[in-house]
Amino acid sequence: MNTKRNKYMNSYVAGFLMGLLIIAAYYFSGEGLGSSGGYRDMAFGAINAISPEYAHSNPFVAPHVSGDHTPTHTWLVYELLGVIFGAILSAALYGRLKFVIGKAPHISNKKRIYLAIAGGILWGIGTQLGRGCTSGLVLSGMAVNSLSGYIGLLAIFGFGFIFAFIFKRLWIKKTN
């Protein structure tokens, strides 16, 4: 039996706190949690700042920038900023704040950065095509007992395990 105490938060406590956060989000904002909406709203705000004429004439962007609505002042943007700065604060408090590029030993830093950017772009496109991100689907969907939340959970973890099994060779190069 391992008696070494984990200095990080207990995952069960973290899950319970996440549940309380979702309840608070629904109570105070009427919406669940998610990150893609914050990125979308920041992009709409940037488009509106750079070219207001284009933003107001584009049928996808216009509803988000019309009237007194400022997309960068939505609660999702502040949620996203809280996640970013909260992660930095947590890393600093637990002595894990350092710049490291997590990658397989046989992949260069440059290739890893390009792959991360490509993955981020694909994630952004996918979240807009799917009308939201995985955290919004699973966490918020299950919080309101939505069947799509449960199906999303099974699909995300199921395909995650399948892809991890298939693509693990890209991460760990076997030595023979």
Protein backbone atom coordinates (compact mmCIF):
# COMPACT_ATOMS: atom_id res chain seq x y z
CA MET A 1 0.00 0.00 0.00
CA ASN A 2 1.30 3.41 -0.96
CA THR A 3 1.27 5.67 2.10
CA LYS A 4 2.73 8.69 0.32
CA ARG A 5 0.23 11.53 0.56
CA ASN A 6 -0.80 13.23 -2.68
CA LYS A 7 -0.13 16.96 -2.38
CA TYR A 8 -2.71 17.77 -5.06
CA MET A 9 -6.47 18.00 -4.70
CA ASN A 10 -8.49 14.83 -4.30
CA SER A 11 -10.31 14.11 -7.59
CA TYR A 12 -13.55 13.27 -5.75
CA VAL A 13 -13.49 16.63 -3.96
CA ALA A 14 -12.72 18.37 -7.27
CA GLY A 15 -15.69 16.63 -8.93
CA PHE A 16 -17.98 17.63 -6.07
CA LEU A 17 -16.80 21.25 -6.31
CA MET A 18 -17.33 21.19 -10.08
CA GLY A 19 -20.90 20.04 -9.46
CA LEU A 20 -21.45 22.96 -7.08
CA LEU A 21 -19.98 25.31 -9.67
CA ILE A 22 -22.41 24.06 -12.32
CA ILE A 23 -25.34 24.57 -9.94
CA ALA A 24 -24.11 28.11 -9.24
CA ALA A 25 -23.71 28.80 -12.98
CA TYR A 26 -27.30 27.72 -13.68
CA TYR A 27 -28.60 29.69 -10.70
CA PHE A 28 -26.80 32.96 -11.43
CA SER A 29 -26.65 32.96 -15.25
CA GLY A 30 -29.28 30.50 -16.39
CA GLU A 31 -26.61 28.68 -18.43
CA GLY A 32 -24.21 25.84 -17.83
CA LEU A 33 -20.45 25.78 -18.15
CA GLY A 34 -18.43 25.65 -21.34
CA SER A 35 -15.42 27.25 -22.96
CA SER A 36 -16.13 27.48 -26.68
CA GLY A 37 -18.64 30.30 -26.25
CA GLY A 38 -16.00 32.47 -24.58
CA TYR A 39 -13.57 31.96 -27.44
CA ARG A 40 -16.37 32.64 -29.94
CA ASP A 41 -17.37 35.84 -28.16
CA MET A 42 -13.77 37.07 -28.08
CA ALA A 43 -13.46 36.36 -31.82
CA PHE A 44 -16.70 38.27 -32.50
CA GLY A 45 -15.42 41.19 -30.42
CA ALA A 46 -12.14 41.23 -32.37
CA ILE A 47 -13.98 41.10 -35.71
CA ASN A 48 -16.22 43.96 -34.60
CA ALA A 49 -13.24 46.04 -33.44
CA ILE A 50 -11.28 45.48 -36.65
CA SER A 51 -14.13 45.78 -39.17
CA PRO A 52 -17.50 46.84 -37.73
CA GLU A 53 -19.05 47.07 -41.22
CA TYR A 54 -18.20 43.44 -41.95
CA ALA A 55 -19.31 42.29 -38.49
CA HIS A 56 -22.74 43.93 -38.85
CA SER A 57 -23.27 42.64 -42.41
CA ASN A 58 -22.20 39.04 -41.69
CA PRO A 59 -25.27 36.92 -40.85
CA PHE A 60 -23.31 34.72 -38.41
CA VAL A 61 -21.57 37.55 -36.52
CA ALA A 62 -24.23 40.31 -36.69
CA PRO A 63 -26.62 38.93 -34.02
CA HIS A 64 -23.74 38.88 -31.54
CA VAL A 65 -22.55 42.46 -32.14
CA SER A 66 -25.80 44.33 -32.76
CA GLY A 67 -27.28 46.96 -30.48
CA ASP A 68 -25.76 47.42 -27.03
CA HIS A 69 -24.50 43.82 -26.92
CA THR A 70 -20.73 43.67 -26.54
CA PRO A 71 -19.55 40.11 -27.05
CA THR A 72 -16.41 40.55 -24.96
CA HIS A 73 -18.52 41.46 -21.92
CA THR A 74 -20.40 38.18 -21.70
CA TRP A 75 -19.98 35.99 -18.65
CA LEU A 76 -18.39 33.23 -20.77
CA VAL A 77 -15.41 35.46 -21.52
CA TYR A 78 -14.92 36.07 -17.80
CA GLU A 79 -15.31 32.34 -17.13
CA LEU A 80 -12.58 31.66 -19.67
CA LEU A 81 -10.30 34.29 -18.15
CA GLY A 82 -10.96 32.81 -14.72
CA VAL A 83 -9.97 29.35 -15.95
CA ILE A 84 -6.74 30.69 -17.47
CA PHE A 85 -5.70 32.79 -14.48
CA GLY A 86 -6.95 30.16 -12.02
CA ALA A 87 -4.74 27.55 -13.69
CA ILE A 88 -1.75 29.89 -13.48
CA LEU A 89 -2.47 30.63 -9.81
CA SER A 90 -2.93 26.94 -8.99
CA ALA A 91 0.33 26.03 -10.74
CA ALA A 92 2.16 28.79 -8.87
CA LEU A 93 0.74 27.75 -5.49
CA TYR A 94 1.76 24.10 -5.99
CA GLY A 95 5.20 24.83 -7.45
CA ARG A 96 4.32 23.64 -10.98
CA LEU A 97 4.53 26.99 -12.78
CA LYS A 98 7.16 26.52 -15.48
CA PHE A 99 7.31 26.62 -19.25
CA VAL A 100 7.44 23.08 -20.59
CA ILE A 101 6.34 21.68 -23.92
CA GLY A 102 4.78 18.30 -23.20
CA LYS A 103 5.62 15.98 -26.05
CA ALA A 104 6.87 12.57 -27.03
CA PRO A 105 10.66 12.20 -26.97
CA HIS A 106 10.90 11.73 -30.75
CA ILE A 107 8.79 14.81 -31.70
CA SER A 108 10.52 18.18 -31.99
CA ASN A 109 9.26 21.23 -30.09
CA LYS A 110 8.42 22.94 -33.39
CA LYS A 111 6.35 19.98 -34.62
CA ARG A 112 4.55 19.75 -31.26
CA ILE A 113 3.64 23.45 -31.37
CA TYR A 114 2.36 23.14 -34.96
CA LEU A 115 0.30 20.09 -34.01
CA ALA A 116 -1.11 21.90 -30.96
CA ILE A 117 -2.12 24.90 -33.08
CA ALA A 118 -3.71 22.62 -35.70
CA GLY A 119 -5.56 20.73 -32.97
CA GLY A 120 -6.78 23.98 -31.44
CA ILE A 121 -8.09 25.20 -34.79
CA LEU A 122 -9.86 21.90 -35.43
CA TRP A 123 -11.30 22.02 -31.88
CA GLY A 124 -12.63 25.54 -32.53
CA ILE A 125 -14.24 24.54 -35.81
CA GLY A 126 -15.69 21.39 -34.26
CA THR A 127 -17.18 23.23 -31.30
CA GLN A 128 -18.98 25.63 -33.59
CA LEU A 129 -20.24 22.86 -35.88
CA GLY A 130 -21.33 20.86 -32.83
CA ARG A 131 -22.87 23.94 -31.17
CA GLY A 132 -20.61 23.72 -28.12
CA CYS A 133 -17.63 22.07 -26.50
CA THR A 134 -17.32 18.83 -24.58
CA SER A 135 -17.45 20.50 -21.18
CA GLY A 136 -20.70 22.20 -22.11
CA LEU A 137 -22.14 18.99 -23.52
CA VAL A 138 -21.16 16.60 -20.76
CA LEU A 139 -20.98 18.71 -17.60
CA SER A 140 -23.90 20.99 -18.29
CA GLY A 141 -25.90 18.37 -20.19
CA MET A 142 -25.66 15.83 -17.39
CA ALA A 143 -26.40 18.53 -14.80
CA VAL A 144 -29.86 18.95 -16.33
CA ASN A 145 -30.22 15.17 -16.85
CA SER A 146 -30.12 15.47 -20.64
CA LEU A 147 -29.78 12.25 -22.62
CA SER A 148 -27.34 13.99 -24.97
CA GLY A 149 -25.05 14.68 -21.99
CA TYR A 150 -24.85 10.99 -21.14
CA ILE A 151 -24.40 9.95 -24.77
CA GLY A 152 -21.71 12.62 -25.13
CA LEU A 153 -19.89 11.30 -22.07
CA LEU A 154 -19.87 7.75 -23.46
CA ALA A 155 -18.77 8.94 -26.90
CA ILE A 156 -16.00 11.22 -25.62
CA PHE A 157 -14.45 8.67 -23.28
CA GLY A 158 -15.11 5.73 -25.60
CA PHE A 159 -13.44 7.35 -28.58
CA GLY A 160 -10.74 8.73 -26.29
CA PHE A 161 -9.78 5.21 -25.24
CA ILE A 162 -9.90 3.98 -28.83
CA PHE A 163 -7.76 6.83 -30.15
CA ALA A 164 -5.32 6.51 -27.24
CA PHE A 165 -4.86 2.83 -28.05
CA ILE A 166 -4.38 3.50 -31.77
CA PHE A 167 -2.18 6.58 -31.54
CA LYS A 168 -0.08 5.76 -28.48
CA ARG A 169 2.76 4.72 -30.80
CA LEU A 170 3.05 8.37 -31.87
CA TRP A 171 3.77 9.30 -28.27
CA ILE A 172 5.92 6.42 -27.06
CA LYS A 173 8.43 5.02 -29.53
CA LYS A 174 9.13 1.37 -28.79
CA THR A 175 12.74 0.37 -28.51
CA ASN A 176 13.54 -3.07 -29.86
